[in-house]
C-alpha cells in the first residue's frame, strides 16, 4: 500500500513539474511562435499562402509547388501554457544583416566569406562585396519552420544565382553626350556595373520578392557596395576611364563655350535692335507730325517750315542764299 501511495505521489509531482511548471512559456517582443500538437502545426482552417498577398509574388506554375498552409501564429504577450505532447517553435522576426559572400554550408568558401565571385558579359571574373538585410515572414512561418530544412541556405543560394545571372547579362544603355554617340569603351561591363549599382540593387530587390512565398524569408534590401575587377585588368580599366572622362570633360567645356557665345550673340542683337528702335522713333514722330500738318492745309505746312527755318537761322553763323 505504501509503495502504491509513493508511486502515485511521484506521478503527481512529475505531472505538476512537467505540466504546470515546464508547460508555461512566454513570447518575446521580437519573436513569433507556432505550436505543434503531436508534430502537426495548428492551422488556420484550409487557408494557404495562395490566399495571401504572398501568393501573387509567385509565377502561376510555382503556386502549387510552394503552397504552404497558414498556421496560427502566437503573438508576444503574457504567460502561455502548453501540454506535454505540444511543442513550441519560436522564431525571431527581427531584421538581420548578412554578408552576401558568406556560404552557410562552407565558411571557407568565397575567400572566407569576404568576396563573392561572378563573371561579367566580358568574361571577366569580378569580386562582389555587400550585404543582405532580411527578416522572417510572419505570414509564412510554415515554410520557414517546416517547409525547408535550412531556409537561409536556400535563400542565399537563390539570391546568389539571380545576382550572377544579372551580372553575366548586365549592359547599361549607352547615353548620347551632346549628340555624339558614346564610344564602345563606355560599354565595358565592369564600368557599367559600377555606375549602375543602384539599378542593380533595385533589380535584386524586385527579383527576390518571391523569397517570402518560397522560403518564408523577406529580403528587405540588397546592398552591393563594391565590384572589383581582376588585378590584371585594373590598370587597363583605369586608363579607359581616364580617357573617357577626359573626352567627356572636353565636350562639356566645348558645350559651355558654345552656349556662352550664343548668349553673347543674342545679347548683342538685342542691344543693336534697341539702338535702331531709338534712332527710328524720333523720325516716326516727325513724320507723324508733318502728316498731321499736311492734312490741316498747305498754308499750315508752309508756316511750320518757315518757323523751323527761323530757328535754324538763329543757330547758324553763316547763311548762303541762292541768287535769283
Protein backbone atom coordinates (compact mmCIF):
# COMPACT_ATOMS: atom_id res chain seq x y z
CA UNK A 1 0.00 0.00 0.00
CA UNK A 2 2.77 2.41 0.87
CA UNK A 3 4.52 1.55 -2.40
CA UNK A 4 1.40 2.39 -4.37
CA UNK A 5 0.99 5.64 -2.46
CA UNK A 6 4.59 6.61 -3.17
CA UNK A 7 4.14 5.80 -6.84
CA UNK A 8 1.02 7.93 -7.12
CA UNK A 9 2.74 10.76 -5.26
CA UNK A 10 5.69 10.57 -7.65
CA UNK A 11 3.42 10.63 -10.69
CA UNK A 12 1.56 13.59 -9.24
CA UNK A 13 4.81 15.50 -8.59
CA UNK A 14 6.08 14.68 -12.09
CA UNK A 15 2.82 15.89 -13.60
CA UNK A 16 2.98 19.11 -11.61
CA UNK A 17 6.60 19.79 -12.61
CA UNK A 18 6.24 18.67 -16.22
CA UNK A 19 2.91 20.28 -16.99
CA UNK A 20 2.37 23.18 -14.65
CA UNK A 21 5.96 24.44 -14.46
CA UNK A 22 7.62 23.43 -17.74
CA UNK A 23 4.34 23.92 -19.62
CA UNK A 24 4.39 27.68 -19.10
CA UNK A 25 6.19 29.82 -21.68
CA UNK A 26 6.39 33.41 -22.94
CA UNK A 27 6.96 35.05 -26.35
CA UNK A 28 9.39 37.98 -26.68
CA UNK A 29 8.56 41.22 -28.48
CA UNK A 30 10.72 40.29 -31.49
CA UNK A 31 9.52 36.69 -31.51
CA UNK A 32 6.65 34.77 -33.01
CA UNK A 33 5.81 31.14 -32.31
CA UNK A 34 3.95 28.20 -33.78
CA UNK A 35 2.54 25.37 -31.68
CA UNK A 36 2.63 21.77 -32.88
CA UNK A 37 0.48 19.03 -31.43
CA UNK A 38 1.90 15.53 -31.96
CA UNK A 39 4.14 17.08 -34.62
CA UNK A 40 1.35 18.81 -36.57
CA UNK A 41 1.19 22.61 -36.59
CA UNK A 42 -2.03 24.32 -35.63
CA UNK A 43 -3.56 25.58 -38.87
CA UNK A 44 -5.99 28.33 -39.78
CA UNK A 45 -8.72 26.34 -41.48
CA UNK A 46 -7.76 25.38 -45.03
CA UNK A 47 -6.07 28.68 -45.92
CA UNK A 48 -2.75 28.59 -47.77
CA UNK A 49 -0.15 31.09 -48.94
CA UNK A 50 -2.05 31.39 -52.23
CA UNK A 51 -4.85 33.06 -50.24
CA UNK A 52 -2.48 35.80 -49.03
CA UNK A 53 -0.67 38.62 -50.90
CA UNK A 54 2.44 36.40 -50.93
CA UNK A 55 0.80 34.12 -53.48
CA UNK A 56 0.74 36.96 -56.00
CA UNK A 57 4.55 37.10 -55.92
CA UNK A 58 4.86 33.63 -57.45
CA UNK A 59 4.57 32.60 -61.06
CA UNK A 60 1.42 30.59 -61.89
CA UNK A 61 3.42 27.38 -62.28
CA UNK A 62 5.08 27.92 -58.86
CA UNK A 63 1.95 28.41 -56.78
CA UNK A 64 1.19 24.72 -56.46
CA UNK A 65 4.80 23.87 -55.58
CA UNK A 66 5.05 26.49 -52.83
CA UNK A 67 1.51 26.15 -51.48
CA UNK A 68 2.04 26.12 -47.70
CA UNK A 69 -0.76 26.04 -45.10
CA UNK A 70 -1.44 29.06 -42.93
CA UNK A 71 -0.68 28.36 -39.28
CA UNK A 72 -1.81 30.05 -36.09
CA UNK A 73 0.89 32.47 -35.04
CA UNK A 74 1.35 33.06 -31.33
CA UNK A 75 1.95 36.77 -30.69
CA UNK A 76 4.00 38.36 -27.89
CA UNK A 77 2.16 38.65 -24.62
CA UNK A 78 1.89 37.20 -21.17
CA UNK A 79 2.17 33.63 -19.99
CA UNK A 80 1.12 30.81 -22.30
CA UNK A 81 0.51 27.18 -21.43
CA UNK A 82 1.18 24.01 -23.37
CA UNK A 83 0.59 20.35 -22.76
CA UNK A 84 3.44 17.78 -22.72
CA UNK A 85 2.53 16.49 -26.18
CA UNK A 86 2.71 20.01 -27.59
CA UNK A 87 5.86 21.80 -28.73
CA UNK A 88 6.55 25.50 -29.25
CA UNK A 89 8.68 26.64 -32.20
CA UNK A 90 9.91 30.19 -31.65
CA UNK A 91 11.27 32.40 -34.43
CA UNK A 92 12.89 35.83 -34.24
CA UNK A 93 11.38 38.29 -36.72
CA UNK A 94 13.99 40.99 -36.08
CA UNK A 95 15.80 42.33 -39.13
CA UNK A 96 19.17 40.68 -39.65
CA UNK A 97 22.16 41.67 -41.80
CA UNK A 98 24.21 39.03 -43.58
CA UNK A 99 27.31 39.33 -45.74
CA UNK A 100 26.27 38.26 -49.23
CA UNK A 101 29.58 36.43 -49.71
CA UNK A 102 29.01 34.11 -46.73
CA UNK A 103 28.45 30.48 -47.60
CA UNK A 104 26.40 29.00 -44.76
CA UNK A 105 27.48 25.46 -45.67
CA UNK A 106 31.19 26.17 -46.14
CA UNK A 107 32.59 29.11 -44.20
CA UNK A 108 35.90 28.92 -46.06
CA UNK A 109 34.28 29.48 -49.48
CA UNK A 110 34.32 32.85 -51.24
CA UNK A 111 37.62 33.85 -49.65
CA UNK A 112 36.32 33.04 -46.18
CA UNK A 113 33.05 34.86 -46.85
CA UNK A 114 34.60 38.20 -47.82
CA UNK A 115 34.12 38.34 -51.59
CA UNK A 116 31.59 36.75 -53.95
CA UNK A 117 32.83 35.88 -57.42
CA UNK A 118 30.80 36.48 -60.60
CA UNK A 119 31.57 36.52 -64.32
CA UNK A 120 30.60 39.52 -66.46
CA UNK A 121 29.47 39.51 -70.09
CA UNK A 122 33.09 40.36 -70.99
CA UNK A 123 34.18 37.07 -69.39
CA UNK A 124 35.91 38.89 -66.55
CA UNK A 125 35.89 37.33 -63.10
CA UNK A 126 34.89 40.03 -60.65
CA UNK A 127 34.63 40.14 -56.87
CA UNK A 128 31.43 41.48 -55.27
CA UNK A 129 31.07 42.79 -51.74
CA UNK A 130 27.90 43.82 -49.97
CA UNK A 131 25.20 42.88 -47.51
CA UNK A 132 21.70 41.46 -47.43
CA UNK A 133 19.08 42.73 -45.00
CA UNK A 134 16.31 40.23 -44.24
CA UNK A 135 13.73 39.10 -41.71
CA UNK A 136 11.39 36.15 -41.26
CA UNK A 137 7.92 36.46 -42.81
CA UNK A 138 5.18 36.23 -40.20
CA UNK A 139 2.69 35.32 -42.95
CA UNK A 140 4.64 32.23 -43.99
CA UNK A 141 6.14 30.72 -40.84
CA UNK A 142 5.22 27.23 -42.01
CA UNK A 143 7.64 27.48 -44.95
CA UNK A 144 10.47 28.69 -42.70
CA UNK A 145 9.92 26.17 -39.89
CA UNK A 146 8.69 23.06 -41.68
CA UNK A 147 8.78 23.55 -45.45
CA UNK A 148 12.57 23.63 -45.87
CA UNK A 149 15.26 22.14 -43.67
CA UNK A 150 17.67 25.08 -43.98
CA UNK A 151 15.72 28.04 -45.41
CA UNK A 152 18.54 30.57 -45.12
CA UNK A 153 20.79 28.32 -47.21
CA UNK A 154 18.11 28.16 -49.90
CA UNK A 155 17.59 31.94 -49.77
CA UNK A 156 21.31 32.66 -50.11
CA UNK A 157 21.63 30.18 -52.97
CA UNK A 158 18.63 31.72 -54.72
CA UNK A 159 20.00 35.25 -54.24
CA UNK A 160 23.48 34.37 -55.49
CA UNK A 161 22.14 32.60 -58.58
CA UNK A 162 19.94 35.60 -59.52
CA UNK A 163 22.83 38.00 -58.89
CA UNK A 164 25.30 36.04 -61.01
CA UNK A 165 22.78 35.75 -63.83
CA UNK A 166 22.23 39.53 -63.73
CA UNK A 167 25.98 40.27 -63.64
CA UNK A 168 26.57 37.98 -66.63
CA UNK A 169 23.95 39.78 -68.74
CA UNK A 170 24.10 43.32 -67.41
CA UNK A 171 24.58 46.04 -70.01
CA UNK A 172 23.77 49.68 -69.39
CA UNK A 173 22.19 51.85 -72.04
CA UNK A 174 24.69 53.97 -73.92
CA UNK A 175 23.62 57.58 -73.43
CA UNK A 176 24.46 60.21 -76.04
CA UNK A 177 26.57 63.12 -74.94
CA UNK A 178 25.94 66.39 -76.82
CA UNK A 179 24.50 64.42 -79.72
CA UNK A 180 27.68 62.37 -80.09
CA UNK A 181 27.20 58.58 -79.64
CA UNK A 182 29.12 57.09 -76.74
CA UNK A 183 32.16 55.06 -77.62
CA UNK A 184 32.38 51.32 -77.23
CA UNK A 185 34.79 51.76 -74.32
CA UNK A 186 31.92 53.25 -72.32
CA UNK A 187 30.14 49.89 -72.56
CA UNK A 188 32.73 47.90 -70.61
CA UNK A 189 30.63 45.73 -68.31
CA UNK A 190 32.54 46.47 -65.09
CA UNK A 191 32.25 50.20 -65.71
CA UNK A 192 28.53 49.78 -66.40
CA UNK A 193 28.07 47.83 -63.18
CA UNK A 194 29.96 50.35 -61.08
CA UNK A 195 27.99 53.26 -62.49
CA UNK A 196 24.65 51.50 -62.07
CA UNK A 197 24.91 49.92 -58.61
CA UNK A 198 21.60 51.49 -57.62
CA UNK A 199 19.81 49.93 -60.59
CA UNK A 200 21.45 46.59 -59.83
CA UNK A 201 20.31 46.70 -56.20
CA UNK A 202 16.77 47.65 -57.22
CA UNK A 203 16.70 44.77 -59.70
CA UNK A 204 17.77 42.30 -57.00
CA UNK A 205 15.11 43.60 -54.62
CA UNK A 206 12.46 43.15 -57.30
CA UNK A 207 13.55 39.66 -58.36
CA UNK A 208 13.88 38.36 -54.79
CA UNK A 209 10.45 39.43 -53.57
CA UNK A 210 9.17 35.90 -54.08
CA UNK A 211 11.59 34.58 -51.44
CA UNK A 212 8.93 35.29 -48.81
CA UNK A 213 6.48 32.94 -50.57
CA UNK A 214 9.15 30.34 -51.38
CA UNK A 215 11.11 30.14 -48.14
CA UNK A 216 9.37 32.39 -45.60
CA UNK A 217 12.21 34.92 -45.64
CA UNK A 218 11.72 38.54 -46.71
CA UNK A 219 14.71 40.22 -48.32
CA UNK A 220 14.35 43.85 -47.24
CA UNK A 221 17.25 45.11 -49.34
CA UNK A 222 20.42 44.05 -51.09
CA UNK A 223 23.29 46.50 -50.70
CA UNK A 224 26.01 45.74 -53.24
CA UNK A 225 28.77 48.14 -52.25
CA UNK A 226 31.80 47.09 -54.30
CA UNK A 227 32.69 45.50 -57.64
CA UNK A 228 36.39 44.72 -58.01
CA UNK A 229 37.83 43.66 -61.38
CA UNK A 230 40.79 41.28 -61.70
CA UNK A 231 44.13 42.85 -60.85
CA UNK A 232 45.50 42.30 -64.36
CA UNK A 233 42.80 44.48 -65.94
CA UNK A 234 42.58 47.12 -63.20
CA UNK A 235 45.20 49.36 -64.83
CA UNK A 236 43.62 48.97 -68.29
CA UNK A 237 40.21 49.93 -66.92
CA UNK A 238 41.74 52.91 -65.15
CA UNK A 239 43.26 54.09 -68.45
CA UNK A 240 39.94 53.63 -70.27
CA UNK A 241 38.06 55.54 -67.60
CA UNK A 242 40.64 58.35 -67.60
CA UNK A 243 40.42 58.74 -71.38
CA UNK A 244 36.63 58.64 -71.33
CA UNK A 245 36.50 61.22 -68.52
CA UNK A 246 38.90 63.48 -70.45
CA UNK A 247 36.73 63.29 -73.58
CA UNK A 248 33.62 64.00 -71.54
CA UNK A 249 35.35 66.99 -69.92
CA UNK A 250 36.46 68.41 -73.29
CA UNK A 251 32.96 68.04 -74.73
CA UNK A 252 31.44 69.72 -71.67
CA UNK A 253 33.89 72.63 -71.95
CA UNK A 254 33.11 72.99 -75.66
CA UNK A 255 29.40 73.00 -74.92
CA UNK A 256 29.82 75.64 -72.23
CA UNK A 257 31.94 77.83 -74.55
CA UNK A 258 29.41 77.50 -77.38
CA UNK A 259 26.50 78.28 -75.04
CA UNK A 260 28.33 81.36 -73.81
CA UNK A 261 28.92 82.59 -77.37
CA UNK A 262 25.26 82.05 -78.24
CA UNK A 263 24.13 84.04 -75.21
CA UNK A 264 26.55 86.86 -76.03
CA UNK A 265 25.36 86.96 -79.65
CA UNK A 266 21.72 87.10 -78.59
CA UNK A 267 22.53 89.93 -76.20
CA UNK A 268 24.38 91.89 -78.90
CA UNK A 269 21.44 91.52 -81.29
CA UNK A 270 19.06 92.78 -78.61
CA UNK A 271 21.27 95.84 -77.94
CA UNK A 272 21.58 96.76 -81.61
CA UNK A 273 17.84 96.30 -82.08
CA UNK A 274 17.13 98.68 -79.20
CA UNK A 275 19.58 101.23 -80.66
CA UNK A 276 17.90 101.09 -84.07
CA UNK A 277 14.48 101.48 -82.47
CA UNK A 278 15.74 104.51 -80.52
CA UNK A 279 17.01 106.16 -83.71
CA UNK A 280 13.88 105.41 -85.73
CA UNK A 281 11.40 106.58 -83.12
CA UNK A 282 12.14 110.38 -83.47
CA UNK A 283 11.87 110.10 -87.27
CA UNK A 284 8.49 108.41 -86.90
CA UNK A 285 7.33 111.16 -84.57
CA UNK A 286 8.40 113.91 -87.03
CA UNK A 287 6.75 112.09 -89.95
CA UNK A 288 3.52 111.77 -87.99
CA UNK A 289 3.60 115.46 -87.09
CA UNK A 290 4.25 116.52 -90.73
CA UNK A 291 1.40 114.30 -91.89
CA UNK A 292 -0.98 115.99 -89.45
CA UNK A 293 0.18 119.45 -90.61
CA UNK A 294 -0.30 118.50 -94.23
CA UNK A 295 -3.83 117.38 -93.51
CA UNK A 296 -4.51 120.75 -91.84
CA UNK A 297 -3.70 122.55 -95.12
CA UNK A 298 -0.78 123.73 -97.29
CA UNK A 299 -0.59 127.09 -95.51
CA UNK A 300 -0.06 125.45 -92.14
CA UNK A 301 2.75 123.32 -93.51
CA UNK A 302 4.42 126.38 -95.07
CA UNK A 303 4.22 128.24 -91.77
CA UNK A 304 5.77 125.24 -89.97
CA UNK A 305 8.65 125.14 -92.45
CA UNK A 306 9.15 128.94 -92.07
CA UNK A 307 9.28 128.66 -88.28
CA UNK A 308 11.80 125.80 -88.48
CA UNK A 309 14.00 127.94 -90.79
CA UNK A 310 13.91 130.86 -88.36
CA UNK A 311 15.08 128.56 -85.58
CA UNK A 312 17.93 127.37 -87.80
CA UNK A 313 18.86 130.93 -88.73
CA UNK A 314 19.36 131.73 -85.07
CA UNK A 315 21.86 128.90 -84.69
CA UNK A 316 23.73 129.38 -87.99
CA UNK A 317 26.87 131.54 -88.15
CA UNK A 318 26.82 131.98 -91.92
CA UNK A 319 23.97 131.83 -94.38
CA UNK A 320 24.30 131.22 -98.09
CA UNK A 321 21.29 132.12 -100.16
CA UNK A 322 20.61 131.31 -103.75
CA UNK A 323 20.69 134.36 -106.05
CA UNK A 324 17.56 134.91 -108.07
